[in-house]
Amino acid sequence: MKKITLLFSLFITVLAFAQVNWMTMEQAVAAQKITPKKIIIDFYADWCAPCKIMDKNTFNNPVIAKYLNEDYYPVKFNAEGKENINLFGRTFGNPGYKEGKHKNSLHDLTKYMNVNAIPSIVFLDEKSNPITILQGALTAKELEPYIPFIANDAYKKIDTREKWENYQKKFKSSIKD
């Protein structure tokens, strides 16, 4: 019985480490004021099948979850949601939102961040200024090189396609196939 309990506890611990500790946008911006860190925002929609695949396979990958929990304030944001958000001295909402509609209008924050495709990932610096956007579904292995690249400010040194390609060639993935 002790062995079963120990195995179960170990299994739960492993699962806990493979989960991203998602925050709201307001929580992330408030946390930045206490401890500056970059923000990564996953823009998704409830109807989006690639978004669900990314949740299951990309964000739940233990390597990705660990990076995000340690190096960022991770935010999951419904690109078509109805909630009002107070950020950057203004209120963002979705005046075109219709309850029960399969696909809704884009939330004002989604538009403000220049997101026009779902799924999209937006990286913000320690002052909530945009760094870059990645559009489309990404596997854990495709997303992985970007996370330390942006977290460690290496993106500030890359100013040509050739330098980016060299970075990608030298990057050693921690994700097992």
C-alpha atoms as a PDB file:
ATOM      1  CA  MET A   1       0.000   0.000   0.000  1.00  0.00           C
ATOM      2  CA  LYS A   2       2.880   2.363   0.806  1.00  0.00           C
ATOM      3  CA  LYS A   3       4.369   1.745  -2.650  1.00  0.00           C
ATOM      4  CA  ILE A   4       1.090   2.632  -4.343  1.00  0.00           C
ATOM      5  CA  THR A   5       0.782   5.802  -2.278  1.00  0.00           C
ATOM      6  CA  LEU A   6       4.380   6.744  -3.079  1.00  0.00           C
ATOM      7  CA  LEU A   7       3.892   6.105  -6.813  1.00  0.00           C
ATOM      8  CA  PHE A   8       0.659   8.093  -6.820  1.00  0.00           C
ATOM      9  CA  SER A   9       2.358  11.003  -5.027  1.00  0.00           C
ATOM     10  CA  LEU A  10       5.239  10.925  -7.500  1.00  0.00           C
ATOM     11  CA  PHE A  11       2.804  10.881 -10.425  1.00  0.00           C
ATOM     12  CA  ILE A  12       0.882  13.888  -9.046  1.00  0.00           C
ATOM     13  CA  THR A  13       4.147  15.777  -8.463  1.00  0.00           C
ATOM     14  CA  VAL A  14       5.279  15.162 -12.051  1.00  0.00           C
ATOM     15  CA  LEU A  15       1.905  16.318 -13.362  1.00  0.00           C
ATOM     16  CA  ALA A  16       2.029  19.450 -11.230  1.00  0.00           C
ATOM     17  CA  PHE A  17       5.386  20.423 -12.698  1.00  0.00           C
ATOM     18  CA  ALA A  18       4.082  19.893 -16.227  1.00  0.00           C
ATOM     19  CA  GLN A  19       1.390  22.527 -15.830  1.00  0.00           C
ATOM     20  CA  VAL A  20       1.717  26.201 -16.582  1.00  0.00           C
ATOM     21  CA  ASN A  21       0.616  28.511 -13.768  1.00  0.00           C
ATOM     22  CA  TRP A  22      -1.578  30.750 -15.922  1.00  0.00           C
ATOM     23  CA  MET A  23      -2.454  34.251 -14.728  1.00  0.00           C
ATOM     24  CA  THR A  24      -4.822  36.948 -15.896  1.00  0.00           C
ATOM     25  CA  MET A  25      -3.363  39.904 -17.732  1.00  0.00           C
ATOM     26  CA  GLU A  26      -4.043  42.171 -14.745  1.00  0.00           C
ATOM     27  CA  GLN A  27      -2.310  39.740 -12.377  1.00  0.00           C
ATOM     28  CA  ALA A  28       0.755  39.554 -14.647  1.00  0.00           C
ATOM     29  CA  VAL A  29       1.094  43.334 -14.983  1.00  0.00           C
ATOM     30  CA  ALA A  30       0.699  43.736 -11.198  1.00  0.00           C
ATOM     31  CA  ALA A  31       3.320  41.009 -10.584  1.00  0.00           C
ATOM     32  CA  GLN A  32       5.722  42.794 -12.955  1.00  0.00           C
ATOM     33  CA  LYS A  33       5.610  45.850 -10.698  1.00  0.00           C
ATOM     34  CA  ILE A  34       6.852  43.748  -7.768  1.00  0.00           C
ATOM     35  CA  THR A  35       9.258  41.438  -9.600  1.00  0.00           C
ATOM     36  CA  PRO A  36      10.012  42.462 -13.201  1.00  0.00           C
ATOM     37  CA  LYS A  37       9.714  39.557 -15.639  1.00  0.00           C
ATOM     38  CA  LYS A  38       8.560  39.252 -19.198  1.00  0.00           C
ATOM     39  CA  ILE A  39       4.969  38.258 -19.976  1.00  0.00           C
ATOM     40  CA  ILE A  40       3.942  35.623 -22.492  1.00  0.00           C
ATOM     41  CA  ILE A  41       0.309  35.708 -23.619  1.00  0.00           C
ATOM     42  CA  ASP A  42      -1.436  32.761 -25.243  1.00  0.00           C
ATOM     43  CA  PHE A  43      -4.323  34.169 -27.287  1.00  0.00           C
ATOM     44  CA  TYR A  44      -6.871  31.418 -27.859  1.00  0.00           C
ATOM     45  CA  ALA A  45     -10.563  30.927 -28.662  1.00  0.00           C
ATOM     46  CA  ASP A  46     -12.908  28.281 -27.272  1.00  0.00           C
ATOM     47  CA  TRP A  47     -13.757  26.961 -30.759  1.00  0.00           C
ATOM     48  CA  CYS A  48     -10.085  26.746 -31.876  1.00  0.00           C
ATOM     49  CA  ALA A  49      -8.938  23.127 -32.318  1.00  0.00           C
ATOM     50  CA  PRO A  50      -5.232  24.054 -32.795  1.00  0.00           C
ATOM     51  CA  CYS A  51      -5.459  26.025 -29.506  1.00  0.00           C
ATOM     52  CA  LYS A  52      -6.651  22.900 -27.688  1.00  0.00           C
ATOM     53  CA  ILE A  53      -3.811  20.870 -29.238  1.00  0.00           C
ATOM     54  CA  MET A  54      -1.297  23.490 -28.080  1.00  0.00           C
ATOM     55  CA  ASP A  55      -2.759  23.352 -24.557  1.00  0.00           C
ATOM     56  CA  LYS A  56      -2.420  19.589 -24.469  1.00  0.00           C
ATOM     57  CA  ASN A  57       0.889  19.066 -26.278  1.00  0.00           C
ATOM     58  CA  THR A  58       2.832  22.332 -26.243  1.00  0.00           C
ATOM     59  CA  PHE A  59       2.061  24.100 -22.971  1.00  0.00           C
ATOM     60  CA  ASN A  60       1.769  20.860 -20.996  1.00  0.00           C
ATOM     61  CA  ASN A  61       5.193  19.714 -22.153  1.00  0.00           C
ATOM     62  CA  PRO A  62       7.293  19.649 -18.940  1.00  0.00           C
ATOM     63  CA  VAL A  63      10.173  21.589 -20.543  1.00  0.00           C
ATOM     64  CA  ILE A  64       7.886  24.355 -21.838  1.00  0.00           C
ATOM     65  CA  ALA A  65       5.865  24.534 -18.602  1.00  0.00           C
ATOM     66  CA  LYS A  66       9.073  24.831 -16.550  1.00  0.00           C
ATOM     67  CA  TYR A  67      10.457  27.614 -18.785  1.00  0.00           C
ATOM     68  CA  LEU A  68       7.193  29.551 -18.662  1.00  0.00           C
ATOM     69  CA  ASN A  69       6.704  29.214 -14.911  1.00  0.00           C
ATOM     70  CA  GLU A  70      10.292  30.241 -14.136  1.00  0.00           C
ATOM     71  CA  ASP A  71      11.076  32.892 -16.741  1.00  0.00           C
ATOM     72  CA  TYR A  72       7.726  34.551 -17.495  1.00  0.00           C
ATOM     73  CA  TYR A  73       4.374  35.572 -16.185  1.00  0.00           C
ATOM     74  CA  PRO A  74       2.255  33.311 -18.407  1.00  0.00           C
ATOM     75  CA  VAL A  75      -1.167  34.638 -19.420  1.00  0.00           C
ATOM     76  CA  LYS A  76      -3.941  32.740 -21.177  1.00  0.00           C
ATOM     77  CA  PHE A  77      -6.335  35.156 -22.860  1.00  0.00           C
ATOM     78  CA  ASN A  78      -9.587  34.383 -24.669  1.00  0.00           C
ATOM     79  CA  ALA A  79      -9.237  36.461 -27.855  1.00  0.00           C
ATOM     80  CA  GLU A  80     -13.034  36.630 -28.156  1.00  0.00           C
ATOM     81  CA  GLY A  81     -13.913  36.884 -24.458  1.00  0.00           C
ATOM     82  CA  LYS A  82     -16.422  39.284 -22.949  1.00  0.00           C
ATOM     83  CA  GLU A  83     -14.684  40.465 -19.751  1.00  0.00           C
ATOM     84  CA  ASN A  84     -13.573  44.054 -19.247  1.00  0.00           C
ATOM     85  CA  ILE A  85      -9.893  44.529 -18.451  1.00  0.00           C
ATOM     86  CA  ASN A  86      -8.303  47.646 -16.985  1.00  0.00           C
ATOM     87  CA  LEU A  87      -4.739  48.004 -18.262  1.00  0.00           C
ATOM     88  CA  PHE A  88      -2.378  50.721 -19.403  1.00  0.00           C
ATOM     89  CA  GLY A  89      -4.749  53.405 -18.134  1.00  0.00           C
ATOM     90  CA  ARG A  90      -7.722  52.258 -20.190  1.00  0.00           C
ATOM     91  CA  THR A  91     -10.508  49.684 -20.241  1.00  0.00           C
ATOM     92  CA  PHE A  92     -10.548  46.956 -22.870  1.00  0.00           C
ATOM     93  CA  GLY A  93     -13.750  45.079 -23.594  1.00  0.00           C
ATOM     94  CA  ASN A  94     -15.624  43.327 -26.355  1.00  0.00           C
ATOM     95  CA  PRO A  95     -18.661  45.419 -27.265  1.00  0.00           C
ATOM     96  CA  GLY A  96     -19.479  43.075 -30.163  1.00  0.00           C
ATOM     97  CA  TYR A  97     -19.666  39.988 -27.942  1.00  0.00           C
ATOM     98  CA  LYS A  98     -22.875  37.969 -28.334  1.00  0.00           C
ATOM     99  CA  GLU A  99     -23.706  35.292 -25.747  1.00  0.00           C
ATOM    100  CA  GLY A 100     -24.062  31.800 -27.244  1.00  0.00           C
ATOM    101  CA  LYS A 101     -22.375  32.698 -30.543  1.00  0.00           C
ATOM    102  CA  HIS A 102     -19.879  30.074 -31.795  1.00  0.00           C
ATOM    103  CA  LYS A 103     -17.344  32.639 -33.027  1.00  0.00           C
ATOM    104  CA  ASN A 104     -17.367  36.111 -31.553  1.00  0.00           C
ATOM    105  CA  SER A 105     -15.816  39.448 -32.360  1.00  0.00           C
ATOM    106  CA  LEU A 106     -12.249  40.038 -31.245  1.00  0.00           C
ATOM    107  CA  HIS A 107     -11.718  41.505 -27.791  1.00  0.00           C
ATOM    108  CA  ASP A 108     -10.283  45.039 -27.785  1.00  0.00           C
ATOM    109  CA  LEU A 109      -7.104  43.806 -26.036  1.00  0.00           C
ATOM    110  CA  THR A 110      -6.648  41.257 -28.815  1.00  0.00           C
ATOM    111  CA  LYS A 111      -6.819  44.046 -31.397  1.00  0.00           C
ATOM    112  CA  TYR A 112      -4.568  46.306 -29.266  1.00  0.00           C
ATOM    113  CA  MET A 113      -1.898  43.577 -29.305  1.00  0.00           C
ATOM    114  CA  ASN A 114      -2.237  43.266 -33.120  1.00  0.00           C
ATOM    115  CA  VAL A 115      -3.424  39.678 -32.879  1.00  0.00           C
ATOM    116  CA  ASN A 116      -5.459  38.743 -35.929  1.00  0.00           C
ATOM    117  CA  ALA A 117      -4.979  34.977 -36.014  1.00  0.00           C
ATOM    118  CA  ILE A 118      -5.714  32.382 -33.364  1.00  0.00           C
ATOM    119  CA  PRO A 119      -3.671  30.819 -31.821  1.00  0.00           C
ATOM    120  CA  SER A 120      -1.086  33.530 -31.305  1.00  0.00           C
ATOM    121  CA  ILE A 121       1.578  34.080 -28.680  1.00  0.00           C
ATOM    122  CA  VAL A 122       2.659  37.593 -27.736  1.00  0.00           C
ATOM    123  CA  PHE A 123       5.812  38.330 -25.741  1.00  0.00           C
ATOM    124  CA  LEU A 124       5.959  41.498 -23.638  1.00  0.00           C
ATOM    125  CA  ASP A 125       9.018  42.966 -21.948  1.00  0.00           C
ATOM    126  CA  GLU A 126       9.310  43.784 -18.243  1.00  0.00           C
ATOM    127  CA  LYS A 127       7.378  47.024 -18.781  1.00  0.00           C
ATOM    128  CA  SER A 128       4.577  45.326 -20.745  1.00  0.00           C
ATOM    129  CA  ASN A 129       5.813  46.622 -24.105  1.00  0.00           C
ATOM    130  CA  PRO A 130       5.450  44.219 -27.042  1.00  0.00           C
ATOM    131  CA  ILE A 131       8.539  42.324 -28.194  1.00  0.00           C
ATOM    132  CA  THR A 132       7.139  40.007 -30.858  1.00  0.00           C
ATOM    133  CA  ILE A 133       4.208  37.852 -31.879  1.00  0.00           C
ATOM    134  CA  LEU A 134       4.148  34.229 -33.040  1.00  0.00           C
ATOM    135  CA  GLN A 135       1.063  33.296 -35.036  1.00  0.00           C
ATOM    136  CA  GLY A 136      -0.280  29.823 -35.604  1.00  0.00           C
ATOM    137  CA  ALA A 137      -0.073  26.536 -33.773  1.00  0.00           C
ATOM    138  CA  LEU A 138       3.387  25.577 -32.553  1.00  0.00           C
ATOM    139  CA  THR A 139       4.697  22.314 -31.210  1.00  0.00           C
ATOM    140  CA  ALA A 140       6.726  22.332 -28.016  1.00  0.00           C
ATOM    141  CA  LYS A 141       9.900  21.873 -30.062  1.00  0.00           C
ATOM    142  CA  GLU A 142       8.989  24.808 -32.327  1.00  0.00           C
ATOM    143  CA  LEU A 143       8.210  27.111 -29.398  1.00  0.00           C
ATOM    144  CA  GLU A 144      11.162  26.124 -27.221  1.00  0.00           C
ATOM    145  CA  PRO A 145      13.930  28.152 -28.959  1.00  0.00           C
ATOM    146  CA  TYR A 146      11.958  31.384 -28.595  1.00  0.00           C
ATOM    147  CA  ILE A 147      11.445  31.123 -24.844  1.00  0.00           C
ATOM    148  CA  PRO A 148      15.067  31.439 -23.596  1.00  0.00           C
ATOM    149  CA  PHE A 149      15.908  33.645 -26.600  1.00  0.00           C
ATOM    150  CA  ILE A 150      13.431  36.276 -25.421  1.00  0.00           C
ATOM    151  CA  ALA A 151      13.727  35.653 -21.656  1.00  0.00           C
ATOM    152  CA  ASN A 152      17.497  36.196 -21.742  1.00  0.00           C
ATOM    153  CA  ASP A 153      17.317  39.258 -24.054  1.00  0.00           C
ATOM    154  CA  ALA A 154      19.245  37.471 -26.821  1.00  0.00           C
ATOM    155  CA  TYR A 155      16.682  38.888 -29.267  1.00  0.00           C
ATOM    156  CA  LYS A 156      18.288  42.310 -28.755  1.00  0.00           C
ATOM    157  CA  LYS A 157      21.487  41.054 -30.407  1.00  0.00           C
ATOM    158  CA  ILE A 158      19.831  39.457 -33.442  1.00  0.00           C
ATOM    159  CA  ASP A 159      19.346  41.955 -36.238  1.00  0.00           C
ATOM    160  CA  THR A 160      19.610  39.806 -39.359  1.00  0.00           C
ATOM    161  CA  ARG A 161      17.995  36.636 -40.623  1.00  0.00           C
ATOM    162  CA  GLU A 162      21.441  35.029 -40.783  1.00  0.00           C
ATOM    163  CA  LYS A 163      22.037  35.639 -37.054  1.00  0.00           C
ATOM    164  CA  TRP A 164      18.599  34.160 -36.249  1.00  0.00           C
ATOM    165  CA  GLU A 165      19.339  31.079 -38.364  1.00  0.00           C
ATOM    166  CA  ASN A 166      22.713  30.668 -36.622  1.00  0.00           C
ATOM    167  CA  TYR A 167      20.974  30.899 -33.242  1.00  0.00           C
ATOM    168  CA  GLN A 168      18.499  28.209 -34.294  1.00  0.00           C
ATOM    169  CA  LYS A 169      21.293  25.920 -35.537  1.00  0.00           C
ATOM    170  CA  LYS A 170      23.198  26.231 -32.256  1.00  0.00           C
ATOM    171  CA  PHE A 171      20.116  25.847 -30.047  1.00  0.00           C
ATOM    172  CA  LYS A 172      20.050  22.505 -28.242  1.00  0.00           C
ATOM    173  CA  SER A 173      16.556  21.338 -27.444  1.00  0.00           C
ATOM    174  CA  SER A 174      15.784  19.816 -24.045  1.00  0.00           C
ATOM    175  CA  ILE A 175      12.670  18.155 -25.456  1.00  0.00           C
ATOM    176  CA  LYS A 176      12.888  14.454 -26.137  1.00  0.00           C
ATOM    177  CA  ASP A 177      11.204  13.234 -29.310  1.00  0.00           C
END
